[in-house]
Amino acid sequence: MSEAAGGLAATMTGFARTLRAAGVGADHQRTQALLSALRHLDVTRPGDVYWAGRLTLCAGPDDLPRYDRCFQAYFGGRTASRHAAGAVTVTRHTLALGDEADDRARSAEGEDESAPGRASRTELLRHRDVAALTAAERAEVHRMLAMLRAGRAARRSRRFEPAARGRLDQRRTIREALRKGDVARLLRRSHTVRPRGVVLFVDVSGSMAPYAETLLRFAHALVRSEPRATRVYSVGTRLTPITAELRHRDPGTALDAASRAIPDWSGGTRLGEELKEFLTRGHARGDIVVIASDGWERGDPSLLGAQVARLARQAYRVIWVNPHKGYDDYEPLTGGMRAALPYLDDLVAGHSLAAYEALSERLAHA
């Protein structure tokens, strides 16, 4: 596969992933059909890309509005929508991710930027450090986070349900025998499954200020996906539960509520004391614990290490998300990171949209 073909495949696969997050059935087979169609079309023409995707990735009329919204968000520019009554051209104005002056100049000259070019800028935005983004670019990342459908690995619960196979269900078998007067068959049961719980601690201290809002939006996506299996706390100088505030469907409303509930924005970090408070009040048995922090601990690092060790004994997995881990030269040199590192199952990056998507995949397959 040539470099250009590989780039096109990556771009369109990312677009299909965006559609699936929005509820469109753009599965693997439909994505392959799209790629096959684009081999016979001019991919520098936005109209060709739009119609190829619409005809291959949409399963029915209900998918069309979602497809148009996602195409506009992912590629931008103009899209043509045809209805039974005739052809209608719909123009959507989207937030430019590159040089806005150049975009306006091209528009004045009647030149449309190619869809793959705009998509490649979106793909680059996925990998950029959130702290280095402009306000407009950060808003675009937050819109994409709002479309993130965070999966969750399943775990076996203690409860049982009737099943065709499994262990013998003596009570139901005896009750049915008494009701019918004979043992006609042996009834069985098996354990039910439920989403594995996630406990997320988001550091809102001053050193994490460039990332805190984006992390809270990721937390909102987790809560919206599995509200009964997700607990979120802000950590700084105080431990604050904010799960209830993040349950609102609208991300902006949820973030406003969470902001009002958090009393220690941009303060210091006493993560060791707060984890100790959490473990004194409750537990994380069988859950995945995610700690999003840069490890700048103002308290006693040895206390933090001891509490992370307690968490590791309880939790199914302990994942530390550090924004600085996304850089090749990163080393865990802060006192908090050095103290916690021996007890972590994973130390992952948390600086970009791609990093949050990777974390979501990790939670879905833990």
Foldseek 3Di string as FASTA:
>chain_A
DDPVLVLVLVLLVVLLVLLVLLPFQQDPVLSVQLSVQVVVDDQQDQASSLVSCVVRRHDDPVSVVSSVVSLCLQQNFWYWDADPVGTDTDGDHDQQQDDVVVVVVCVVVVHDGGRSVSNVSVVVQQLDFLLPGDPSSNVSLLVSLLSDQFAAAKDFDPDKDWDPDAAFPVVVQVVVCVVVVHRPDTTHIDTDMDGAAEEEEAEQAQVCVSPRLVVVSNLLSVCCNPVVRYWYWYFFPETFTLSVLSNDSDSVSSSVSSVVRDPHGHHHGAPLVHLVVVVVVHAAAAHEYEYEDQQQHPDDLLSLLVSLQVNLVRYPFYEYEHQVQSDPPDDSDHSNCVSNVVSHPYYFHDGGNVRSSVVSVVRNVD
